[in-house]
N, C-alpha and C. Protein backbone atom coordinates (compact mmCIF):
# COMPACT_ATOMS: atom_id res chain seq x y z
N MET A 1 69.01 121.80 62.02
CA MET A 1 70.15 122.11 63.02
C MET A 1 70.74 121.96 61.87
N SER A 2 72.63 122.40 62.12
CA SER A 2 73.47 122.20 61.24
C SER A 2 74.62 120.78 62.14
N THR A 3 75.33 120.57 61.46
CA THR A 3 76.63 119.46 62.31
C THR A 3 76.95 120.46 62.45
N LEU A 4 77.41 121.66 63.20
CA LEU A 4 78.45 122.21 63.76
C LEU A 4 77.25 122.13 65.22
N ASP A 5 76.26 122.94 64.68
CA ASP A 5 75.11 122.94 66.02
C ASP A 5 75.63 121.40 67.11
N GLU A 6 75.11 120.65 66.08
CA GLU A 6 74.90 119.33 66.63
C GLU A 6 76.49 118.82 67.64
N ARG A 7 77.58 118.84 66.89
CA ARG A 7 79.25 119.19 67.11
C ARG A 7 79.56 119.12 68.71
N ARG A 8 78.57 120.35 69.10
CA ARG A 8 78.50 121.91 69.86
C ARG A 8 78.03 120.63 70.65
N LYS A 9 77.12 120.73 70.66
CA LYS A 9 75.54 120.22 72.24
C LYS A 9 76.41 118.79 72.40
N ALA A 10 77.00 117.61 71.14
CA ALA A 10 77.91 116.65 71.68
C ALA A 10 78.95 116.58 72.30
N VAL A 11 79.72 118.11 72.26
CA VAL A 11 81.10 118.30 73.45
C VAL A 11 80.01 119.01 74.68
N VAL A 12 78.89 119.81 74.50
CA VAL A 12 78.83 120.30 75.95
C VAL A 12 78.44 118.34 76.70
N ARG A 13 77.42 117.63 76.01
CA ARG A 13 77.16 116.23 76.84
C ARG A 13 78.77 116.04 77.48
N ASP A 14 79.81 116.11 76.75
CA ASP A 14 80.78 115.14 77.09
C ASP A 14 81.60 116.24 78.25
N HIS A 15 81.48 117.24 78.14
CA HIS A 15 81.63 118.43 79.00
C HIS A 15 81.30 118.20 80.76
N MET A 16 80.17 117.98 80.59
CA MET A 16 78.88 117.75 81.25
C MET A 16 78.99 116.52 82.23
N GLU A 17 78.97 115.53 81.10
CA GLU A 17 79.42 114.31 81.73
C GLU A 17 80.89 114.07 82.59
N GLY A 18 81.99 114.54 82.20
CA GLY A 18 83.46 114.66 82.73
C GLY A 18 83.03 115.29 84.21
N GLU A 19 82.27 115.97 83.84
CA GLU A 19 82.32 116.69 85.35
C GLU A 19 81.67 115.61 86.24
N ASN A 20 80.47 115.36 86.15
CA ASN A 20 79.84 114.19 86.78
C ASN A 20 80.68 112.51 87.27
N ARG A 21 81.96 112.66 86.21
CA ARG A 21 82.22 111.41 86.69
C ARG A 21 83.89 111.89 87.49
N LEU A 22 83.76 113.77 87.57
CA LEU A 22 85.15 113.57 87.79
C LEU A 22 86.56 113.46 87.16
N ASP A 23 86.13 113.23 85.80
CA ASP A 23 87.18 113.08 85.32
C ASP A 23 87.36 114.56 84.48
N PHE A 24 87.88 115.29 85.13
CA PHE A 24 88.65 117.07 85.15
C PHE A 24 89.47 116.82 84.02
N ASP A 25 90.52 115.90 83.66
CA ASP A 25 91.28 116.39 82.92
C ASP A 25 90.28 116.05 81.28
N ALA A 26 89.12 115.30 80.96
CA ALA A 26 88.21 115.18 79.86
C ALA A 26 87.91 116.40 79.98
N VAL A 27 87.14 117.07 80.87
CA VAL A 27 86.34 117.84 81.03
C VAL A 27 87.84 119.04 80.33
N ILE A 28 88.70 119.66 80.50
CA ILE A 28 89.68 120.53 79.99
C ILE A 28 89.76 120.13 78.94
N GLU A 29 89.73 118.42 78.15
CA GLU A 29 89.59 118.54 76.97
C GLU A 29 88.95 119.37 75.84
N THR A 30 87.70 119.17 76.66
CA THR A 30 86.28 119.92 75.92
C THR A 30 86.65 121.45 75.47
N PHE A 31 87.54 122.25 76.41
CA PHE A 31 87.82 123.58 75.89
C PHE A 31 88.75 123.67 74.96
N LYS A 32 88.34 125.01 74.10
CA LYS A 32 89.38 125.32 73.52
C LYS A 32 90.23 125.91 74.20
N ARG A 33 90.28 126.99 75.18
CA ARG A 33 90.87 127.70 75.88
C ARG A 33 89.95 127.55 77.56
N PRO A 34 90.23 127.26 78.21
CA PRO A 34 89.75 127.25 79.08
C PRO A 34 88.94 128.52 80.18
N ARG A 35 87.64 128.32 80.32
CA ARG A 35 87.63 129.37 81.38
C ARG A 35 86.10 129.70 81.84
N TYR A 36 85.99 129.86 83.10
CA TYR A 36 84.48 129.87 83.60
C TYR A 36 84.27 130.85 84.39
N GLU A 37 83.41 131.53 84.05
CA GLU A 37 82.75 132.39 84.33
C GLU A 37 81.15 132.53 85.42
N LEU A 38 81.66 133.01 86.51
CA LEU A 38 80.26 132.12 87.39
C LEU A 38 79.55 133.65 87.82
N ILE A 39 78.52 133.46 87.07
CA ILE A 39 77.50 135.10 87.56
C ILE A 39 77.28 135.17 88.79
N GLY A 40 76.81 134.03 89.18
CA GLY A 40 75.87 134.32 90.60
C GLY A 40 76.69 134.53 92.24
N SER A 41 78.41 134.21 91.53
CA SER A 41 78.97 134.88 93.08
C SER A 41 80.46 135.84 91.90
N GLY A 42 80.63 136.21 90.80
CA GLY A 42 81.03 136.74 90.18
C GLY A 42 82.77 136.41 90.60
N GLY A 43 82.96 134.93 90.69
CA GLY A 43 84.12 134.23 90.17
C GLY A 43 84.41 134.14 88.61
N VAL A 44 85.87 134.24 88.58
CA VAL A 44 86.30 133.91 86.54
C VAL A 44 87.53 133.22 86.72
N PHE A 45 87.51 132.14 85.96
CA PHE A 45 88.51 131.28 85.96
C PHE A 45 88.70 131.28 84.33
N ASP A 46 90.47 131.73 84.60
CA ASP A 46 90.46 131.64 83.67
C ASP A 46 92.02 131.08 83.10
N GLY A 47 92.22 129.96 82.40
CA GLY A 47 93.25 129.06 82.05
C GLY A 47 93.35 128.20 82.47
N LYS A 48 93.93 126.86 82.10
CA LYS A 48 93.84 125.71 82.87
C LYS A 48 94.42 125.18 84.28
N ALA A 49 95.22 126.08 84.36
CA ALA A 49 95.66 126.46 86.25
C ALA A 49 94.41 126.68 86.98
N GLU A 50 94.08 127.34 86.38
CA GLU A 50 92.66 128.46 87.43
C GLU A 50 91.87 127.79 87.00
N VAL A 51 91.01 126.97 85.97
CA VAL A 51 89.94 126.04 86.10
C VAL A 51 90.22 124.70 86.70
N ARG A 52 91.16 124.09 87.09
CA ARG A 52 92.00 122.99 88.18
C ARG A 52 91.69 123.47 89.34
N ARG A 53 92.21 125.16 89.88
CA ARG A 53 91.31 125.21 91.36
C ARG A 53 89.70 125.53 91.05
N TYR A 54 88.85 125.97 90.27
CA TYR A 54 88.24 125.98 90.65
C TYR A 54 87.30 124.49 90.66
N PHE A 55 87.50 123.34 90.27
CA PHE A 55 87.37 122.29 90.30
C PHE A 55 87.58 121.60 91.90
N GLU A 56 88.79 122.03 92.27
CA GLU A 56 88.89 122.00 93.54
C GLU A 56 87.88 122.34 94.71
N LEU A 57 87.91 123.84 94.36
CA LEU A 57 87.26 124.51 95.20
C LEU A 57 86.01 124.47 95.00
N SER A 58 84.85 124.06 94.39
CA SER A 58 83.67 123.43 94.25
C SER A 58 84.14 122.13 94.58
N ARG A 59 84.45 120.96 94.12
CA ARG A 59 84.24 119.71 95.07
C ARG A 59 85.23 119.62 96.19
N MET A 60 85.38 120.48 97.30
CA MET A 60 86.14 120.49 98.31
C MET A 60 84.52 120.69 99.15
N PRO A 61 83.74 121.11 99.31
CA PRO A 61 82.78 121.42 99.71
C PRO A 61 81.72 120.23 99.57
N PHE A 62 81.51 120.24 98.38
CA PHE A 62 80.90 119.58 97.60
C PHE A 62 81.25 118.18 96.77
N PRO A 63 81.60 117.34 97.21
CA PRO A 63 82.58 116.14 96.72
C PRO A 63 81.17 115.57 95.56
N ASP A 64 79.89 115.17 96.25
CA ASP A 64 79.73 114.88 95.40
C ASP A 64 78.81 115.43 94.35
N GLN A 65 79.10 116.63 94.27
CA GLN A 65 78.79 117.60 93.12
C GLN A 65 78.31 116.93 91.67
N ARG A 66 77.26 117.16 91.21
CA ARG A 66 76.55 116.09 89.81
C ARG A 66 75.81 117.32 89.26
N ASN A 67 75.26 117.46 87.83
CA ASN A 67 74.29 117.94 87.27
C ASN A 67 73.67 117.02 86.41
N GLU A 68 72.63 117.17 86.06
CA GLU A 68 71.56 116.59 85.39
C GLU A 68 70.41 117.29 83.89
N PRO A 69 71.39 117.08 83.30
CA PRO A 69 71.08 118.02 82.04
C PRO A 69 69.27 118.03 81.88
N ILE A 70 68.71 119.36 81.40
CA ILE A 70 67.44 119.21 81.14
C ILE A 70 67.12 119.22 80.01
N ALA A 71 67.93 120.45 78.85
CA ALA A 71 67.82 120.28 78.21
C ALA A 71 68.61 121.76 77.55
N LEU A 72 69.62 120.94 76.34
CA LEU A 72 70.24 121.95 75.33
C LEU A 72 70.18 122.74 74.30
N THR A 73 70.46 123.43 74.26
CA THR A 73 69.85 124.63 72.93
C THR A 73 70.87 125.19 72.24
N ALA A 74 71.12 125.01 71.26
CA ALA A 74 72.25 125.35 70.17
C ALA A 74 71.43 126.63 70.22
N MET A 75 72.49 127.62 69.92
CA MET A 75 72.48 129.62 69.83
C MET A 75 73.60 129.71 68.75
N GLU A 76 73.31 131.09 68.65
CA GLU A 76 74.08 131.41 67.65
C GLU A 76 76.10 131.19 68.52
N ASN A 77 77.23 130.78 68.08
CA ASN A 77 78.25 130.28 68.50
C ASN A 77 78.23 130.14 70.41
N GLY A 78 77.25 129.05 70.58
CA GLY A 78 76.75 128.71 71.38
C GLY A 78 75.73 127.57 71.59
N VAL A 79 75.95 127.47 73.23
CA VAL A 79 74.95 126.19 73.47
C VAL A 79 74.53 126.81 74.85
N LEU A 80 72.99 127.29 74.94
CA LEU A 80 72.48 127.15 76.49
C LEU A 80 72.26 125.28 76.81
N ALA A 81 72.82 125.74 78.18
CA ALA A 81 72.32 124.32 78.94
C ALA A 81 71.79 124.50 79.98
N GLU A 82 70.57 124.06 79.96
CA GLU A 82 69.74 124.26 81.66
C GLU A 82 70.02 122.42 81.93
N PHE A 83 69.94 122.44 83.78
CA PHE A 83 70.28 121.72 84.06
C PHE A 83 69.62 122.09 86.12
N TRP A 84 69.75 120.59 86.16
CA TRP A 84 69.84 120.58 87.91
C TRP A 84 71.39 119.99 88.72
N LEU A 85 71.61 121.21 89.19
CA LEU A 85 72.75 121.21 89.83
C LEU A 85 72.93 120.58 91.36
N MET A 86 73.24 119.34 92.17
CA MET A 86 72.58 118.58 93.40
C MET A 86 74.48 118.81 93.75
N GLY A 87 74.45 118.33 95.20
CA GLY A 87 75.06 118.06 95.97
C GLY A 87 74.93 118.06 97.77
N THR A 88 75.86 117.41 98.27
CA THR A 88 75.91 117.25 99.51
C THR A 88 76.97 118.33 99.92
N HIS A 89 76.46 118.57 101.39
CA HIS A 89 77.42 119.65 101.54
C HIS A 89 78.37 119.16 102.20
N LEU A 90 79.74 118.62 102.28
CA LEU A 90 80.43 117.37 103.06
C LEU A 90 81.71 117.79 103.80
N GLY A 91 82.24 118.81 103.15
CA GLY A 91 83.30 119.52 103.21
C GLY A 91 83.55 121.42 103.16
N PRO A 92 84.83 121.56 103.81
CA PRO A 92 84.61 123.18 104.11
C PRO A 92 84.25 123.95 103.13
N LEU A 93 83.34 125.36 103.15
CA LEU A 93 82.88 125.95 102.29
C LEU A 93 83.13 126.80 102.27
N LYS A 94 84.40 128.11 101.59
CA LYS A 94 85.35 128.82 101.67
C LYS A 94 84.48 130.74 100.89
N THR A 95 84.59 130.92 101.80
CA THR A 95 83.83 131.94 101.92
C THR A 95 84.97 133.38 102.32
N PRO A 96 84.79 135.19 101.80
CA PRO A 96 85.57 135.66 102.27
C PRO A 96 85.74 135.99 103.62
N ALA A 97 84.92 135.86 104.01
CA ALA A 97 84.31 136.27 105.81
C ALA A 97 84.88 134.90 106.39
N GLY A 98 85.38 133.24 105.62
CA GLY A 98 86.29 132.24 106.49
C GLY A 98 85.28 130.95 106.34
N ASP A 99 85.89 129.83 106.05
CA ASP A 99 85.32 128.71 105.83
C ASP A 99 83.80 128.43 106.80
N ILE A 100 82.65 127.59 105.83
CA ILE A 100 81.89 126.96 106.99
C ILE A 100 81.89 126.08 106.71
N PRO A 101 81.73 125.05 107.81
CA PRO A 101 82.14 124.08 108.13
C PRO A 101 80.82 122.89 107.66
N PRO A 102 80.50 121.28 107.22
CA PRO A 102 79.86 121.21 106.25
C PRO A 102 78.78 121.25 107.51
N THR A 103 77.43 121.18 106.56
CA THR A 103 75.94 120.99 106.89
C THR A 103 75.38 119.58 107.12
N GLY A 104 76.47 119.00 106.23
CA GLY A 104 75.47 117.26 106.18
C GLY A 104 74.11 117.79 105.11
N LYS A 105 74.21 118.51 104.99
CA LYS A 105 72.41 118.80 103.72
C LYS A 105 73.43 118.84 102.64
N SER A 106 71.99 118.27 101.02
CA SER A 106 72.20 118.08 100.03
C SER A 106 71.28 119.67 99.29
N PHE A 107 71.65 120.00 98.40
CA PHE A 107 70.68 121.02 97.51
C PHE A 107 70.67 120.25 95.91
N ARG A 108 69.75 121.08 95.53
CA ARG A 108 68.87 120.68 94.88
C ARG A 108 68.91 122.21 93.69
N VAL A 109 69.44 122.49 92.96
CA VAL A 109 69.02 123.70 92.10
C VAL A 109 69.24 123.97 90.83
N ARG A 110 67.53 124.40 89.67
CA ARG A 110 67.89 124.84 88.52
C ARG A 110 68.75 125.82 88.14
N MET A 111 69.73 125.38 87.41
CA MET A 111 70.55 126.18 86.77
C MET A 111 70.53 126.54 85.18
N ALA A 112 71.25 127.49 84.90
CA ALA A 112 71.40 127.74 83.61
C ALA A 112 73.17 128.17 83.16
N ALA A 113 73.72 127.37 81.71
CA ALA A 113 75.01 127.99 81.72
C ALA A 113 75.27 127.84 80.13
N LEU A 114 76.00 128.79 79.77
CA LEU A 114 76.00 129.21 78.40
C LEU A 114 77.86 128.90 78.33
N PHE A 115 77.41 127.76 76.96
CA PHE A 115 79.00 127.64 76.75
C PHE A 115 79.11 128.18 75.31
N LEU A 116 80.16 128.55 75.41
CA LEU A 116 80.99 129.83 73.99
C LEU A 116 81.93 129.11 73.17
N PHE A 117 81.85 129.28 72.15
CA PHE A 117 82.83 129.13 71.13
C PHE A 117 83.11 129.88 70.17
N ASP A 118 84.38 129.70 69.36
CA ASP A 118 84.51 130.52 68.39
C ASP A 118 84.02 130.39 67.33
N ASP A 119 83.81 131.79 66.59
CA ASP A 119 82.85 130.83 65.47
C ASP A 119 83.38 130.26 64.30
N GLY A 120 82.52 129.13 64.09
CA GLY A 120 82.97 127.87 63.06
C GLY A 120 83.81 126.49 63.93
N GLY A 121 84.03 127.18 65.83
CA GLY A 121 84.40 125.84 66.27
C GLY A 121 83.72 125.44 66.84
N ASP A 122 84.56 124.07 67.03
CA ASP A 122 83.80 123.27 68.54
C ASP A 122 84.45 122.91 69.70
N GLY A 123 85.19 123.68 69.90
CA GLY A 123 85.80 123.54 71.24
C GLY A 123 85.33 124.85 72.33
N ILE A 124 85.35 125.02 73.76
CA ILE A 124 84.63 125.51 74.29
C ILE A 124 85.41 126.67 74.58
N VAL A 125 84.88 128.32 74.80
CA VAL A 125 86.33 128.99 74.69
C VAL A 125 85.18 129.23 76.43
N CYS A 126 84.90 129.45 76.92
CA CYS A 126 84.15 130.20 77.67
C CYS A 126 82.68 129.22 78.20
N GLU A 127 82.57 128.35 79.65
CA GLU A 127 81.80 128.71 80.17
C GLU A 127 81.15 129.79 81.36
N ARG A 128 80.16 129.90 81.13
CA ARG A 128 79.69 131.44 82.13
C ARG A 128 78.05 130.65 82.42
N VAL A 129 78.33 130.33 84.26
CA VAL A 129 77.12 129.89 84.67
C VAL A 129 76.03 130.83 85.20
N TYR A 130 75.38 130.94 85.16
CA TYR A 130 74.02 131.29 85.66
C TYR A 130 73.59 130.56 86.65
N PHE A 131 73.42 131.17 88.25
CA PHE A 131 72.72 130.56 89.47
C PHE A 131 72.61 131.68 90.18
N ASP A 132 72.29 131.14 91.56
CA ASP A 132 70.82 131.40 92.08
C ASP A 132 71.69 131.01 93.89
N GLN A 133 72.73 131.86 94.30
CA GLN A 133 73.51 131.34 94.84
C GLN A 133 72.65 130.78 96.53
N LEU A 134 71.92 132.40 97.08
CA LEU A 134 70.97 132.32 97.96
C LEU A 134 70.15 130.96 98.17
N SER A 135 69.86 130.72 96.56
CA SER A 135 68.72 129.33 97.18
C SER A 135 69.66 128.07 97.48
N ILE A 136 70.56 127.94 96.88
CA ILE A 136 72.01 126.81 97.37
C ILE A 136 71.81 127.20 99.06
N LEU A 137 72.32 128.01 99.97
CA LEU A 137 72.89 128.18 100.76
C LEU A 137 71.86 128.26 101.89
N ALA A 138 70.24 128.42 101.76
CA ALA A 138 68.86 128.46 101.92
C ALA A 138 68.40 126.96 102.51
N GLN A 139 69.15 126.37 101.22
CA GLN A 139 68.75 124.62 101.15
C GLN A 139 70.27 124.14 102.16
N LEU A 140 71.13 124.49 101.79
CA LEU A 140 71.87 123.96 103.41
C LEU A 140 71.60 124.94 104.72
N GLY A 141 70.80 125.46 104.64
CA GLY A 141 70.07 126.05 106.34
C GLY A 141 71.26 126.65 106.42
N LEU A 142 72.07 127.58 105.80
CA LEU A 142 73.14 128.73 105.71
C LEU A 142 72.59 130.24 105.49
N ALA A 143 70.94 130.53 104.93
CA ALA A 143 70.36 131.69 104.75
C ALA A 143 68.61 131.46 104.34
N SER A 144 68.04 132.47 105.10
CA SER A 144 67.14 132.42 104.90
C SER A 144 66.63 132.03 103.45
N GLU A 145 65.52 131.19 103.28
CA GLU A 145 64.38 131.38 101.66
C GLU A 145 64.49 132.39 101.11
N PRO A 146 64.75 132.02 99.45
CA PRO A 146 64.74 133.63 98.85
C PRO A 146 63.01 133.85 98.39
N ALA A 147 62.55 135.48 99.02
CA ALA A 147 61.37 135.37 98.65
C ALA A 147 60.66 135.24 97.29
N LYS A 148 59.73 134.87 97.38
CA LYS A 148 59.11 133.72 96.39
C LYS A 148 57.80 134.92 95.70
């Protein structure tokens, strides 16, 4: 594994640890250009102000949201992170149909995120997150369990 791959994996670890500490300034510093793409919901947050808005929107319903890395794998111009995402529904969850009041229930889902980098660089240019939104809602008691 190259030194660049190791640097990139270290940046991703710092990024994920910053999210757990709610140190969003430190998370923003891991980006060359801040951008989140949420494949499970279709949301895109591009630029510092939008990414800060994402942090606000995602932590309002789940103030204890945190991740537990499972594996980090270097790829061409990226790092694939597999992790557990956990949280407790303690605040309003904003949806297109209106706010859902807190259920007080917790969730734990296995997810993956692709952290993309410019050629030869070690600053993140996009975090593309893949997740099953229905599994989260089912664990919160807001939807039926997905078919297995």
